[in-house]
Amino acid sequence: TLALLALVSGFAVSASKPAQAVSSCAGHA
């Protein structure tokens, strides 16, 4: 359920390699 969205703000997953470029779409989440 959508209610879980509020529960995961502190969750951590190891990130992948750094971005090669800044996306023109960044912030669309």
PDB file of all heavy atoms in Angstrom:
ATOM      1  N   THR A   1       0.808  -1.213   0.000  1.00  0.00           N
ATOM      2  CA  THR A   1       0.000   0.000   0.000  1.00  0.00           C
ATOM      3  C   THR A   1       0.837   1.257   0.000  1.00  0.00           C
ATOM      4  O   THR A   1       1.995   1.277   0.447  1.00  0.00           O
ATOM      5  CB  THR A   1      -0.929   0.038   1.221  1.00  0.00           C
ATOM      6  OG1 THR A   1      -0.118   0.039   2.391  1.00  0.00           O
ATOM      7  CG2 THR A   1      -1.856  -1.156   1.260  1.00  0.00           C
ATOM      8  N   LEU A   2       0.233   2.340  -0.464  1.00  0.00           N
ATOM      9  CA  LEU A   2       0.925   3.616  -0.560  1.00  0.00           C
ATOM     10  C   LEU A   2       1.355   4.150   0.797  1.00  0.00           C
ATOM     11  O   LEU A   2       2.270   4.970   0.883  1.00  0.00           O
ATOM     12  CB  LEU A   2       0.009   4.635  -1.247  1.00  0.00           C
ATOM     13  CG  LEU A   2      -0.260   4.388  -2.726  1.00  0.00           C
ATOM     14  CD1 LEU A   2      -1.329   5.347  -3.219  1.00  0.00           C
ATOM     15  CD2 LEU A   2       1.015   4.542  -3.528  1.00  0.00           C
ATOM     16  N   ALA A   3       0.724   3.666   1.855  1.00  0.00           N
ATOM     17  CA  ALA A   3       1.106   4.128   3.180  1.00  0.00           C
ATOM     18  C   ALA A   3       2.558   3.824   3.504  1.00  0.00           C
ATOM     19  O   ALA A   3       3.171   4.493   4.345  1.00  0.00           O
ATOM     20  CB  ALA A   3       0.203   3.481   4.232  1.00  0.00           C
ATOM     21  N   LEU A   4       3.137   2.839   2.832  1.00  0.00           N
ATOM     22  CA  LEU A   4       4.525   2.479   3.118  1.00  0.00           C
ATOM     23  C   LEU A   4       5.512   3.552   2.683  1.00  0.00           C
ATOM     24  O   LEU A   4       6.639   3.584   3.150  1.00  0.00           O
ATOM     25  CB  LEU A   4       4.868   1.163   2.415  1.00  0.00           C
ATOM     26  CG  LEU A   4       4.203  -0.067   3.004  1.00  0.00           C
ATOM     27  CD1 LEU A   4       4.503  -1.270   2.144  1.00  0.00           C
ATOM     28  CD2 LEU A   4       4.674  -0.299   4.406  1.00  0.00           C
ATOM     29  N   LEU A   5       5.101   4.447   1.796  1.00  0.00           N
ATOM     30  CA  LEU A   5       6.025   5.468   1.323  1.00  0.00           C
ATOM     31  C   LEU A   5       6.576   6.295   2.473  1.00  0.00           C
ATOM     32  O   LEU A   5       7.733   6.719   2.457  1.00  0.00           O
ATOM     33  CB  LEU A   5       5.309   6.382   0.315  1.00  0.00           C
ATOM     34  CG  LEU A   5       5.045   5.776  -1.058  1.00  0.00           C
ATOM     35  CD1 LEU A   5       4.144   6.681  -1.861  1.00  0.00           C
ATOM     36  CD2 LEU A   5       6.349   5.536  -1.785  1.00  0.00           C
ATOM     37  N   ALA A   6       5.749   6.511   3.478  1.00  0.00           N
ATOM     38  CA  ALA A   6       6.189   7.320   4.611  1.00  0.00           C
ATOM     39  C   ALA A   6       7.142   6.580   5.530  1.00  0.00           C
ATOM     40  O   ALA A   6       7.784   7.187   6.387  1.00  0.00           O
ATOM     41  CB  ALA A   6       4.972   7.787   5.415  1.00  0.00           C
ATOM     42  N   LEU A   7       7.256   5.271   5.357  1.00  0.00           N
ATOM     43  CA  LEU A   7       8.011   4.461   6.292  1.00  0.00           C
ATOM     44  C   LEU A   7       9.461   4.245   5.902  1.00  0.00           C
ATOM     45  O   LEU A   7      10.231   3.706   6.681  1.00  0.00           O
ATOM     46  CB  LEU A   7       7.329   3.095   6.452  1.00  0.00           C
ATOM     47  CG  LEU A   7       5.892   3.107   6.949  1.00  0.00           C
ATOM     48  CD1 LEU A   7       5.362   1.679   6.999  1.00  0.00           C
ATOM     49  CD2 LEU A   7       5.781   3.751   8.313  1.00  0.00           C
ATOM     50  N   VAL A   8       9.834   4.603   4.693  1.00  0.00           N
ATOM     51  CA  VAL A   8      11.144   4.169   4.198  1.00  0.00           C
ATOM     52  C   VAL A   8      12.132   5.311   4.013  1.00  0.00           C
ATOM     53  O   VAL A   8      13.171   5.128   3.414  1.00  0.00           O
ATOM     54  CB  VAL A   8      10.970   3.415   2.854  1.00  0.00           C
ATOM     55  CG1 VAL A   8      10.167   2.166   3.062  1.00  0.00           C
ATOM     56  CG2 VAL A   8      10.333   4.299   1.797  1.00  0.00           C
ATOM     57  N   SER A   9      11.828   6.488   4.532  1.00  0.00           N
ATOM     58  CA  SER A   9      12.694   7.631   4.259  1.00  0.00           C
ATOM     59  C   SER A   9      14.099   7.445   4.826  1.00  0.00           C
ATOM     60  O   SER A   9      15.069   7.989   4.309  1.00  0.00           O
ATOM     61  CB  SER A   9      12.071   8.909   4.845  1.00  0.00           C
ATOM     62  OG  SER A   9      11.869   8.757   6.238  1.00  0.00           O
ATOM     63  N   GLY A  10      14.225   6.632   5.876  1.00  0.00           N
ATOM     64  CA  GLY A  10      15.534   6.430   6.465  1.00  0.00           C
ATOM     65  C   GLY A  10      16.250   5.199   5.969  1.00  0.00           C
ATOM     66  O   GLY A  10      17.338   4.891   6.436  1.00  0.00           O
ATOM     67  N   PHE A  11      15.646   4.493   5.007  1.00  0.00           N
ATOM     68  CA  PHE A  11      16.224   3.226   4.526  1.00  0.00           C
ATOM     69  C   PHE A  11      17.467   3.474   3.685  1.00  0.00           C
ATOM     70  O   PHE A  11      17.537   4.430   2.921  1.00  0.00           O
ATOM     71  CB  PHE A  11      15.174   2.483   3.708  1.00  0.00           C
ATOM     72  CG  PHE A  11      15.691   1.227   3.102  1.00  0.00           C
ATOM     73  CD1 PHE A  11      15.976   0.147   3.906  1.00  0.00           C
ATOM     74  CD2 PHE A  11      15.909   1.136   1.739  1.00  0.00           C
ATOM     75  CE1 PHE A  11      16.461  -1.026   3.355  1.00  0.00           C
ATOM     76  CE2 PHE A  11      16.397  -0.023   1.190  1.00  0.00           C
ATOM     77  CZ  PHE A  11      16.667  -1.101   1.995  1.00  0.00           C
ATOM     78  N   ALA A  12      18.463   2.600   3.815  1.00  0.00           N
ATOM     79  CA  ALA A  12      19.716   2.773   3.072  1.00  0.00           C
ATOM     80  C   ALA A  12      20.049   1.530   2.275  1.00  0.00           C
ATOM     81  O   ALA A  12      20.024   0.432   2.793  1.00  0.00           O
ATOM     82  CB  ALA A  12      20.867   3.064   4.028  1.00  0.00           C
ATOM     83  N   VAL A  13      20.345   1.727   0.998  1.00  0.00           N
ATOM     84  CA  VAL A  13      20.882   0.678   0.133  1.00  0.00           C
ATOM     85  C   VAL A  13      22.191   1.216  -0.429  1.00  0.00           C
ATOM     86  O   VAL A  13      22.280   2.385  -0.784  1.00  0.00           O
ATOM     87  CB  VAL A  13      19.904   0.362  -1.024  1.00  0.00           C
ATOM     88  CG1 VAL A  13      20.519  -0.651  -1.965  1.00  0.00           C
ATOM     89  CG2 VAL A  13      18.581  -0.130  -0.492  1.00  0.00           C
ATOM     90  N   SER A  14      23.193   0.380  -0.533  1.00  0.00           N
ATOM     91  CA  SER A  14      24.466   0.852  -1.077  1.00  0.00           C
ATOM     92  C   SER A  14      24.266   1.388  -2.480  1.00  0.00           C
ATOM     93  O   SER A  14      23.732   0.707  -3.343  1.00  0.00           O
ATOM     94  CB  SER A  14      25.480  -0.306  -1.098  1.00  0.00           C
ATOM     95  OG  SER A  14      25.707  -0.784   0.206  1.00  0.00           O
ATOM     96  N   ALA A  15      24.686   2.595  -2.727  1.00  0.00           N
ATOM     97  CA  ALA A  15      24.483   3.213  -4.032  1.00  0.00           C
ATOM     98  C   ALA A  15      25.439   2.634  -5.049  1.00  0.00           C
ATOM     99  O   ALA A  15      26.473   2.067  -4.720  1.00  0.00           O
ATOM    100  CB  ALA A  15      24.699   4.726  -3.929  1.00  0.00           C
ATOM    101  N   SER A  16      25.076   2.804  -6.332  1.00  0.00           N
ATOM    102  CA  SER A  16      25.949   2.347  -7.395  1.00  0.00           C
ATOM    103  C   SER A  16      27.021   3.395  -7.658  1.00  0.00           C
ATOM    104  O   SER A  16      27.165   4.368  -6.925  1.00  0.00           O
ATOM    105  CB  SER A  16      25.116   2.100  -8.652  1.00  0.00           C
ATOM    106  OG  SER A  16      24.548   3.306  -9.093  1.00  0.00           O
ATOM    107  N   LYS A  17      27.759   3.214  -8.738  1.00  0.00           N
ATOM    108  CA  LYS A  17      28.830   4.137  -9.080  1.00  0.00           C
ATOM    109  C   LYS A  17      28.274   5.545  -9.278  1.00  0.00           C
ATOM    110  O   LYS A  17      27.126   5.721  -9.664  1.00  0.00           O
ATOM    111  CB  LYS A  17      29.523   3.661 -10.353  1.00  0.00           C
ATOM    112  CG  LYS A  17      30.199   2.306 -10.191  1.00  0.00           C
ATOM    113  CD  LYS A  17      30.779   1.839 -11.509  1.00  0.00           C
ATOM    114  CE  LYS A  17      31.420   0.472 -11.361  1.00  0.00           C
ATOM    115  NZ  LYS A  17      31.942  -0.036 -12.634  1.00  0.00           N
ATOM    116  N   PRO A  18      29.080   6.586  -9.042  1.00  0.00           N
ATOM    117  CA  PRO A  18      28.597   7.952  -9.215  1.00  0.00           C
ATOM    118  C   PRO A  18      28.120   8.213 -10.633  1.00  0.00           C
ATOM    119  O   PRO A  18      28.586   7.609 -11.591  1.00  0.00           O
ATOM    120  CB  PRO A  18      29.847   8.796  -8.894  1.00  0.00           C
ATOM    121  CG  PRO A  18      30.713   7.898  -8.055  1.00  0.00           C
ATOM    122  CD  PRO A  18      30.456   6.521  -8.552  1.00  0.00           C
ATOM    123  N   ALA A  19      27.172   9.142 -10.757  1.00  0.00           N
ATOM    124  CA  ALA A  19      26.621   9.480 -12.060  1.00  0.00           C
ATOM    125  C   ALA A  19      27.707  10.059 -12.958  1.00  0.00           C
ATOM    126  O   ALA A  19      28.595  10.777 -12.509  1.00  0.00           O
ATOM    127  CB  ALA A  19      25.486  10.479 -11.902  1.00  0.00           C
ATOM    128  N   GLN A  20      27.619   9.728 -14.232  1.00  0.00           N
ATOM    129  CA  GLN A  20      28.572  10.267 -15.200  1.00  0.00           C
ATOM    130  C   GLN A  20      28.169  11.664 -15.676  1.00  0.00           C
ATOM    131  O   GLN A  20      28.992  12.400 -16.186  1.00  0.00           O
ATOM    132  CB  GLN A  20      28.653   9.320 -16.403  1.00  0.00           C
ATOM    133  CG  GLN A  20      29.110   7.901 -16.037  1.00  0.00           C
ATOM    134  CD  GLN A  20      30.464   7.874 -15.420  1.00  0.00           C
ATOM    135  OE1 GLN A  20      31.410   8.398 -16.002  1.00  0.00           O
ATOM    136  NE2 GLN A  20      30.583   7.296 -14.233  1.00  0.00           N
ATOM    137  N   ALA A  21      26.899  11.991 -15.525  1.00  0.00           N
ATOM    138  CA  ALA A  21      26.408  13.288 -15.978  1.00  0.00           C
ATOM    139  C   ALA A  21      25.181  13.660 -15.164  1.00  0.00           C
ATOM    140  O   ALA A  21      24.532  12.800 -14.575  1.00  0.00           O
ATOM    141  CB  ALA A  21      26.059  13.247 -17.470  1.00  0.00           C
ATOM    142  N   VAL A  22      24.870  14.927 -15.094  1.00  0.00           N
ATOM    143  CA  VAL A  22      23.683  15.395 -14.390  1.00  0.00           C
ATOM    144  C   VAL A  22      22.499  15.335 -15.339  1.00  0.00           C
ATOM    145  O   VAL A  22      22.547  15.875 -16.443  1.00  0.00           O
ATOM    146  CB  VAL A  22      23.882  16.837 -13.872  1.00  0.00           C
ATOM    147  CG1 VAL A  22      22.615  17.346 -13.227  1.00  0.00           C
ATOM    148  CG2 VAL A  22      25.035  16.879 -12.888  1.00  0.00           C
ATOM    149  N   SER A  23      21.435  14.684 -14.925  1.00  0.00           N
ATOM    150  CA  SER A  23      20.277  14.528 -15.794  1.00  0.00           C
ATOM    151  C   SER A  23      19.468  15.814 -15.873  1.00  0.00           C
ATOM    152  O   SER A  23      19.266  16.498 -14.874  1.00  0.00           O
ATOM    153  CB  SER A  23      19.383  13.404 -15.261  1.00  0.00           C
ATOM    154  OG  SER A  23      18.132  13.422 -15.907  1.00  0.00           O
ATOM    155  N   SER A  24      18.988  16.117 -17.082  1.00  0.00           N
ATOM    156  CA  SER A  24      18.072  17.251 -17.231  1.00  0.00           C
ATOM    157  C   SER A  24      16.712  16.956 -16.635  1.00  0.00           C
ATOM    158  O   SER A  24      15.877  17.832 -16.513  1.00  0.00           O
ATOM    159  CB  SER A  24      17.927  17.594 -18.717  1.00  0.00           C
ATOM    160  OG  SER A  24      17.370  16.485 -19.424  1.00  0.00           O
ATOM    161  N   CYS A  25      16.475  15.661 -16.265  1.00  0.00           N
ATOM    162  CA  CYS A  25      15.205  15.259 -15.657  1.00  0.00           C
ATOM    163  C   CYS A  25      15.295  15.171 -14.145  1.00  0.00           C
ATOM    164  O   CYS A  25      14.309  14.796 -13.495  1.00  0.00           O
ATOM    165  CB  CYS A  25      14.776  13.900 -16.204  1.00  0.00           C
ATOM    166  SG  CYS A  25      14.622  13.837 -17.993  1.00  0.00           S
ATOM    167  N   ALA A  26      16.470  15.442 -13.567  1.00  0.00           N
ATOM    168  CA  ALA A  26      16.647  15.266 -12.134  1.00  0.00           C
ATOM    169  C   ALA A  26      15.628  16.068 -11.349  1.00  0.00           C
ATOM    170  O   ALA A  26      15.308  17.216 -11.684  1.00  0.00           O
ATOM    171  CB  ALA A  26      18.062  15.665 -11.727  1.00  0.00           C
ATOM    172  N   GLY A  27      15.122  15.454 -10.307  1.00  0.00           N
ATOM    173  CA  GLY A  27      14.087  16.079  -9.491  1.00  0.00           C
ATOM    174  C   GLY A  27      12.693  15.630  -9.841  1.00  0.00           C
ATOM    175  O   GLY A  27      11.738  15.935  -9.122  1.00  0.00           O
ATOM    176  N   HIS A  28      12.553  14.874 -10.929  1.00  0.00           N
ATOM    177  CA  HIS A  28      11.240  14.353 -11.325  1.00  0.00           C
ATOM    178  C   HIS A  28      11.048  12.980 -10.683  1.00  0.00           C
ATOM    179  O   HIS A  28      11.221  11.950 -11.310  1.00  0.00           O
ATOM    180  CB  HIS A  28      11.121  14.271 -12.840  1.00  0.00           C
ATOM    181  CG  HIS A  28      11.020  15.609 -13.502  1.00  0.00           C
ATOM    182  ND1 HIS A  28       9.822  16.276 -13.596  1.00  0.00           N
ATOM    183  CD2 HIS A  28      11.951  16.399 -14.072  1.00  0.00           C
ATOM    184  CE1 HIS A  28      10.019  17.437 -14.222  1.00  0.00           C
ATOM    185  NE2 HIS A  28      11.307  17.535 -14.518  1.00  0.00           N
ATOM    186  N   ALA A  29      10.722  12.980  -9.426  1.00  0.00           N
ATOM    187  CA  ALA A  29      10.482  11.747  -8.692  1.00  0.00           C
ATOM    188  C   ALA A  29       9.237  11.915  -7.835  1.00  0.00           C
ATOM    189  O   ALA A  29       8.812  13.032  -7.553  1.00  0.00           O
ATOM    190  CB  ALA A  29      11.691  11.396  -7.820  1.00  0.00           C
TER     191      ALA A  29
END
